[in-house]
Amino acid sequence: MSDNQLITKSNVLIQQSVDELNRREQYLMAILLSEFKAANPKATCLAEMQTDTITIKLTEFINYLGLNKDSGRNIDNYKNTIAHFQSRAFFVWLDDKYANRTPMFSNIQIPKHWVDDGVPFDEKEYDINFKFHEIFIENLLCSSNFTELFKRSIIHLKSEKAIKLYQLLKSHAAQEFDTTYSVSDLRLRLGMTSKSYDVFKDFFKRGIADPVKEINENTEIFVKVVKNKSKKDKRIIESITFKIRNQAEKKVWWEYDFPKVKLTDDEYREVSKWVYPVHHKQLVKELQEKLDEGVDIRNHYKWLNGRYKNKLESAQTRLF
């Protein structure tokens, strides 16, 4: 499964609904929706749909959720994750208190040997079949306005709040004007309605500031945040405005020597100027080696720039 796969969701589903998925379930849903898009690339309604069922191999499922397949505790963990996932639903809010609850799946078929110890070893199957509920599919397909999300962006986000906020902001990214949500609405959409978030600074740090930092470092959009005070009481933040911009595309510039290092046009022009005290290709080589080792470095320019500044400061210190 490629991390460059797209996920398509109607703006109605993103902007007018709330889900209760945790981070692990958000990852799994990203995988399922990207596979659904790949299986139904041109579908805009139920009649054009090729399939409503997506099959994922157990090894892929374990890999994406970051579980250890050899750990007995984790085996129970992914079984419980799927069992819990079966009951998940999304909520279309009618007002601040009432919502229509719709299941996401009509059925999840698990390997038979999970519940029957008598299945012979050579007959064991390791596919999990997820069948989407028809009403949920209608909300995925049947709308005139859609948002395309990158699976890789969701997988690289480490908190469920960042994933939810990314999808919400991405649905507004194409419009020419900034997006404003009331604080109460954002708390509802991010699942932060408990009393522990009644203090604005607590809500803002965990629900807005930290997720936006994640989004800016790991996705294709860049977000700036503006706090809007109440006209009646300047001590109260009433709403938040998001200034959303698409980030420049990152490309491979040294295709044969350093194929994993990706920079934007502007980043490449800046990096290519570095010749003293260390040539930029030496730094790029170091980054490529780190990536080959499996080190998770998401912002390649930030890593290169940090290394270059350290080398430059060391050289200047030696001179004086």
Protein backbone atom coordinates (compact mmCIF):
# COMPACT_ATOMS: atom_id res chain seq x y z
CA MET A 1 0.00 0.00 0.00
CA SER A 2 1.50 3.32 -1.06
CA ASP A 3 1.59 6.21 1.39
CA ASN A 4 0.83 8.53 -1.55
CA GLN A 5 -2.68 7.12 -1.84
CA LEU A 6 -5.53 9.60 -1.68
CA ILE A 7 -8.54 9.54 0.59
CA THR A 8 -11.69 11.23 -0.65
CA LYS A 9 -14.32 12.55 1.77
CA SER A 10 -17.26 14.78 1.09
CA ASN A 11 -17.02 18.19 2.75
CA VAL A 12 -20.38 17.50 4.36
CA LEU A 13 -18.94 14.47 6.13
CA ILE A 14 -15.86 16.38 7.31
CA GLN A 15 -17.46 19.68 8.27
CA GLN A 16 -20.78 18.55 9.70
CA SER A 17 -19.87 15.40 11.57
CA VAL A 18 -17.76 14.18 14.48
CA ASP A 19 -16.23 10.76 15.08
CA GLU A 20 -14.91 9.16 18.26
CA LEU A 21 -11.97 7.36 16.70
CA ASN A 22 -8.76 7.22 18.71
CA ARG A 23 -5.35 7.63 17.06
CA ARG A 24 -4.96 3.92 16.24
CA GLU A 25 -8.44 3.77 14.75
CA GLN A 26 -7.77 6.96 12.76
CA TYR A 27 -4.76 5.25 11.14
CA LEU A 28 -6.83 2.17 10.31
CA MET A 29 -9.61 4.32 8.84
CA ALA A 30 -7.06 6.18 6.70
CA ILE A 31 -5.87 2.87 5.26
CA LEU A 32 -9.41 1.66 4.60
CA LEU A 33 -10.57 4.89 2.97
CA SER A 34 -7.51 5.08 0.71
CA GLU A 35 -8.13 1.49 -0.41
CA PHE A 36 -11.83 2.30 -0.91
CA LYS A 37 -10.84 5.24 -3.12
CA ALA A 38 -8.46 3.02 -5.11
CA ALA A 39 -11.17 0.38 -5.58
CA ASN A 40 -13.81 2.95 -6.59
CA PRO A 41 -11.78 5.67 -8.36
CA LYS A 42 -14.63 7.20 -10.38
CA ALA A 43 -17.62 6.48 -8.17
CA THR A 44 -19.78 9.48 -7.25
CA CYS A 45 -22.81 7.52 -6.08
CA LEU A 46 -23.75 4.04 -4.86
CA ALA A 47 -24.70 2.87 -8.37
CA GLU A 48 -21.16 3.56 -9.65
CA MET A 49 -19.44 1.80 -6.76
CA GLN A 50 -17.46 -1.35 -7.58
CA THR A 51 -17.22 -2.71 -4.03
CA ASP A 52 -18.20 -1.79 -0.49
CA THR A 53 -15.77 -4.22 1.14
CA ILE A 54 -12.05 -3.66 1.69
CA THR A 55 -9.68 -6.48 2.56
CA ILE A 56 -6.51 -5.90 4.58
CA LYS A 57 -3.93 -8.54 5.37
CA LEU A 58 -3.20 -8.99 9.05
CA THR A 59 0.52 -8.26 8.54
CA GLU A 60 -0.30 -4.89 6.92
CA PHE A 61 -2.74 -4.10 9.69
CA ILE A 62 -0.13 -4.83 12.37
CA ASN A 63 2.54 -2.84 10.54
CA TYR A 64 0.43 0.31 10.17
CA LEU A 65 -0.66 0.26 13.78
CA GLY A 66 2.93 -0.15 14.98
CA LEU A 67 2.26 -3.39 16.85
CA ASN A 68 4.64 -6.26 17.57
CA LYS A 69 3.23 -9.38 15.95
CA ASP A 70 5.27 -11.62 18.28
CA SER A 71 3.89 -10.10 21.48
CA GLY A 72 0.95 -11.95 23.03
CA ARG A 73 -0.23 -8.72 24.62
CA ASN A 74 -0.25 -6.96 21.25
CA ILE A 75 -2.09 -9.85 19.61
CA ASP A 76 -4.90 -9.26 22.09
CA ASN A 77 -4.50 -5.52 21.45
CA TYR A 78 -5.15 -5.70 17.71
CA LYS A 79 -8.01 -8.13 18.19
CA ASN A 80 -9.57 -5.70 20.65
CA THR A 81 -8.90 -2.81 18.26
CA ILE A 82 -10.89 -4.51 15.50
CA ALA A 83 -13.67 -5.57 17.87
CA HIS A 84 -13.98 -2.00 19.15
CA PHE A 85 -13.76 -0.63 15.61
CA GLN A 86 -16.87 -2.60 14.63
CA SER A 87 -18.97 -0.43 16.95
CA ARG A 88 -17.61 2.91 15.73
CA ALA A 89 -19.97 5.51 14.33
CA PHE A 90 -19.92 9.07 13.13
CA PHE A 91 -22.25 11.78 14.37
CA VAL A 92 -23.96 14.42 12.26
CA TRP A 93 -24.74 17.23 14.67
CA LEU A 94 -28.20 18.78 14.54
CA ASP A 95 -27.31 21.33 17.23
CA ASP A 96 -25.02 21.51 20.26
CA LYS A 97 -26.88 18.76 22.10
CA TYR A 98 -28.42 16.39 19.55
CA ALA A 99 -26.89 14.26 16.82
CA ASN A 100 -27.74 11.48 14.40
CA ARG A 101 -25.47 8.50 15.02
CA THR A 102 -24.62 6.31 12.02
CA PRO A 103 -22.44 3.17 12.04
CA MET A 104 -19.43 3.19 9.74
CA PHE A 105 -19.43 -0.56 9.09
CA SER A 106 -22.19 -3.07 8.50
CA ASN A 107 -19.80 -5.97 9.05
CA ILE A 108 -16.17 -6.78 9.84
CA GLN A 109 -15.18 -10.37 9.03
CA ILE A 110 -12.23 -11.60 11.07
CA PRO A 111 -10.14 -14.78 10.53
CA LYS A 112 -12.08 -17.84 11.67
CA HIS A 113 -9.22 -19.24 13.76
CA TRP A 114 -9.44 -16.22 16.06
CA VAL A 115 -12.58 -17.70 17.56
CA ASP A 116 -12.16 -21.37 16.63
CA ASP A 117 -9.02 -23.10 17.93
CA GLY A 118 -9.90 -26.20 15.89
CA VAL A 119 -9.02 -24.66 12.52
CA PRO A 120 -6.04 -26.61 11.02
CA PHE A 121 -2.85 -24.61 10.59
CA ASP A 122 -2.79 -24.96 6.80
CA GLU A 123 -6.38 -23.69 6.55
CA LYS A 124 -5.85 -20.52 8.56
CA GLU A 125 -6.52 -17.28 6.70
CA TYR A 126 -5.13 -13.88 7.63
CA ASP A 127 -7.37 -11.44 5.79
CA ILE A 128 -9.73 -9.02 7.53
CA ASN A 129 -12.74 -7.83 5.52
CA PHE A 130 -14.29 -4.46 6.33
CA LYS A 131 -17.72 -3.82 4.81
CA PHE A 132 -18.78 -0.16 4.94
CA HIS A 133 -22.32 0.74 5.92
CA GLU A 134 -24.38 2.06 3.01
CA ILE A 135 -25.30 5.30 4.79
CA PHE A 136 -21.63 5.99 5.52
CA ILE A 137 -20.73 5.37 1.87
CA GLU A 138 -23.36 7.89 0.80
CA ASN A 139 -21.60 10.47 2.95
CA LEU A 140 -18.29 9.50 1.36
CA LEU A 141 -19.49 9.72 -2.24
CA CYS A 142 -22.74 11.56 -2.70
CA SER A 143 -21.81 15.21 -2.57
CA SER A 144 -20.81 17.88 -5.07
CA ASN A 145 -17.85 19.04 -2.96
CA PHE A 146 -15.01 16.75 -1.94
CA THR A 147 -11.72 16.97 -0.09
CA GLU A 148 -8.71 14.89 -1.07
CA LEU A 149 -6.50 13.88 1.85
CA PHE A 150 -3.12 12.18 1.66
CA LYS A 151 -2.90 8.96 3.60
CA ARG A 152 0.76 9.72 4.36
CA SER A 153 -0.22 12.96 6.12
CA ILE A 154 -2.61 11.16 8.46
CA ILE A 155 -0.15 8.34 9.16
CA HIS A 156 2.58 10.87 10.08
CA LEU A 157 0.40 12.71 12.59
CA LYS A 158 0.86 11.40 16.13
CA SER A 159 -2.30 12.60 17.88
CA GLU A 160 -5.97 12.04 17.11
CA LYS A 161 -6.67 15.75 17.62
CA ALA A 162 -4.10 16.63 14.94
CA ILE A 163 -5.68 14.11 12.56
CA LYS A 164 -9.18 15.50 13.11
CA LEU A 165 -8.04 19.11 12.82
CA TYR A 166 -6.02 18.34 9.67
CA GLN A 167 -9.08 16.88 7.94
CA LEU A 168 -11.27 19.79 8.98
CA LEU A 169 -8.77 22.45 7.86
CA LYS A 170 -7.94 20.59 4.65
CA SER A 171 -11.63 20.74 3.68
CA HIS A 172 -11.32 24.55 3.71
CA ALA A 173 -7.86 24.79 2.09
CA ALA A 174 -9.13 25.47 -1.44
CA GLN A 175 -11.21 28.51 -0.52
CA GLU A 176 -9.81 32.02 -0.97
CA PHE A 177 -10.88 33.33 2.44
CA ASP A 178 -9.78 32.37 5.96
CA THR A 179 -11.79 29.94 8.08
CA THR A 180 -13.23 30.84 11.48
CA TYR A 181 -14.77 28.49 14.06
CA SER A 182 -16.15 29.34 17.47
CA VAL A 183 -14.28 27.85 20.41
CA SER A 184 -17.34 25.87 21.47
CA ASP A 185 -17.70 24.38 17.98
CA LEU A 186 -14.04 23.38 17.87
CA ARG A 187 -14.26 21.72 21.29
CA LEU A 188 -17.19 19.69 20.00
CA ARG A 189 -15.47 18.66 16.77
CA LEU A 190 -12.22 17.71 18.50
CA GLY A 191 -13.93 15.71 21.25
CA MET A 192 -12.79 18.13 23.97
CA THR A 193 -16.07 18.92 25.74
CA SER A 194 -15.05 17.62 29.18
CA LYS A 195 -14.56 20.02 32.06
CA SER A 196 -10.78 19.51 31.91
CA TYR A 197 -10.79 21.79 28.84
CA ASP A 198 -13.03 24.51 30.26
CA VAL A 199 -9.96 26.70 30.79
CA PHE A 200 -9.17 28.16 27.37
CA LYS A 201 -5.37 27.95 27.63
CA ASP A 202 -5.61 24.19 28.32
CA PHE A 203 -7.92 23.66 25.35
CA PHE A 204 -5.86 25.87 23.05
CA LYS A 205 -2.52 24.18 23.80
CA ARG A 206 -3.72 20.59 23.44
CA GLY A 207 -6.46 21.11 20.86
CA ILE A 208 -5.04 23.85 18.62
CA ALA A 209 -1.40 24.88 19.20
CA ASP A 210 0.15 21.40 19.49
CA PRO A 211 -1.92 19.88 16.62
CA VAL A 212 -1.20 22.85 14.31
CA LYS A 213 2.53 22.42 14.98
CA GLU A 214 2.20 18.76 13.97
CA ILE A 215 0.20 19.66 10.87
CA ASN A 216 2.71 22.28 9.73
CA GLU A 217 5.64 19.89 10.14
CA ASN A 218 4.08 16.79 8.60
CA THR A 219 1.43 17.64 6.00
CA GLU A 220 0.98 19.50 2.74
CA ILE A 221 -0.77 22.47 4.36
CA PHE A 222 0.59 25.28 6.54
CA VAL A 223 -1.67 26.89 9.12
CA LYS A 224 -1.50 30.15 11.07
CA VAL A 225 -3.87 30.74 13.97
CA VAL A 226 -5.52 33.97 15.12
CA LYS A 227 -7.42 34.24 18.43
CA ASN A 228 -10.53 36.44 18.23
CA LYS A 229 -11.69 38.16 21.43
CA SER A 230 -15.32 38.62 22.38
CA LYS A 231 -16.66 42.09 21.61
CA LYS A 232 -18.51 42.06 24.92
CA ASP A 233 -15.62 40.86 27.08
CA LYS A 234 -12.06 41.25 25.78
CA ARG A 235 -10.81 38.72 28.32
CA ILE A 236 -12.65 35.92 26.52
CA ILE A 237 -11.47 34.27 23.28
CA GLU A 238 -14.67 33.66 21.38
CA SER A 239 -13.45 32.16 18.12
CA ILE A 240 -10.34 31.09 16.23
CA THR A 241 -9.43 31.98 12.64
CA PHE A 242 -7.27 29.60 10.61
CA LYS A 243 -5.19 30.95 7.74
CA ILE A 244 -4.59 27.85 5.60
CA ARG A 245 -2.07 27.67 2.77
CA ASN A 246 -0.86 24.75 0.69
CA GLN A 247 2.82 24.08 1.26
CA ALA A 248 5.21 23.87 -1.66
CA GLU A 249 5.69 20.43 -3.19
CA LYS A 250 8.78 18.55 -2.05
CA LYS A 251 10.83 16.81 -4.77
CA VAL A 252 13.80 14.49 -5.11
CA TRP A 253 16.77 16.52 -6.42
CA TRP A 254 19.53 13.89 -6.30
CA GLU A 255 17.61 10.99 -7.81
CA TYR A 256 20.48 8.53 -8.14
CA ASP A 257 22.68 9.42 -5.16
CA PHE A 258 20.12 10.47 -2.52
CA PRO A 259 16.66 9.30 -3.66
CA LYS A 260 14.97 9.62 -0.26
CA VAL A 261 15.90 13.25 0.40
CA LYS A 262 13.08 15.61 -0.60
CA LEU A 263 13.12 19.42 -0.66
CA THR A 264 10.97 22.18 -2.13
CA ASP A 265 12.33 24.42 -4.91
CA ASP A 266 13.21 27.18 -2.42
CA GLU A 267 14.77 24.74 0.05
CA TYR A 268 16.93 23.20 -2.67
CA ARG A 269 18.15 26.60 -3.84
CA GLU A 270 19.13 27.47 -0.27
CA VAL A 271 20.82 24.15 0.49
CA SER A 272 22.79 24.13 -2.78
CA LYS A 273 24.55 27.36 -1.69
CA TRP A 274 26.21 25.63 1.27
CA VAL A 275 29.90 24.95 0.53
CA TYR A 276 31.63 26.17 3.72
CA PRO A 277 32.42 24.86 6.30
CA VAL A 278 30.88 21.69 4.91
CA HIS A 279 29.63 20.99 1.40
CA HIS A 280 25.89 20.51 1.20
CA LYS A 281 26.24 17.09 -0.50
CA GLN A 282 28.05 15.76 2.56
CA LEU A 283 25.08 16.75 4.73
CA VAL A 284 22.62 15.31 2.22
CA LYS A 285 24.61 12.06 2.25
CA GLU A 286 24.36 11.93 6.05
CA LEU A 287 20.60 12.47 5.83
CA GLN A 288 20.23 9.72 3.21
CA GLU A 289 22.12 7.31 5.49
CA LYS A 290 19.81 8.15 8.40
CA LEU A 291 16.75 7.56 6.21
CA ASP A 292 18.20 4.24 4.99
CA GLU A 293 18.57 3.20 8.64
CA GLY A 294 14.87 3.83 9.14
CA VAL A 295 15.20 7.00 11.23
CA ASP A 296 11.91 8.93 11.06
CA ILE A 297 12.93 12.40 9.79
CA ARG A 298 9.90 14.20 8.36
CA ASN A 299 11.20 17.69 7.66
CA HIS A 300 14.37 17.11 5.63
CA TYR A 301 15.24 20.78 5.25
CA LYS A 302 14.93 21.38 8.99
CA TRP A 303 17.33 18.51 9.69
CA LEU A 304 19.86 19.68 7.07
CA ASN A 305 19.65 23.29 8.21
CA GLY A 306 20.22 22.31 11.83
CA ARG A 307 23.31 20.29 10.93
CA TYR A 308 24.67 23.09 8.73
CA LYS A 309 24.22 25.73 11.44
CA ASN A 310 26.01 23.53 13.97
CA LYS A 311 28.96 23.09 11.58
CA LEU A 312 29.02 26.82 10.87
CA GLU A 313 28.98 27.77 14.56
CA SER A 314 31.76 25.29 15.31
CA ALA A 315 33.91 26.72 12.51
CA GLN A 316 33.36 30.29 13.69
CA THR A 317 34.22 29.33 17.28
CA ARG A 318 37.53 27.83 16.17
CA LEU A 319 38.40 31.06 14.31
CA PHE A 320 38.01 33.13 17.47
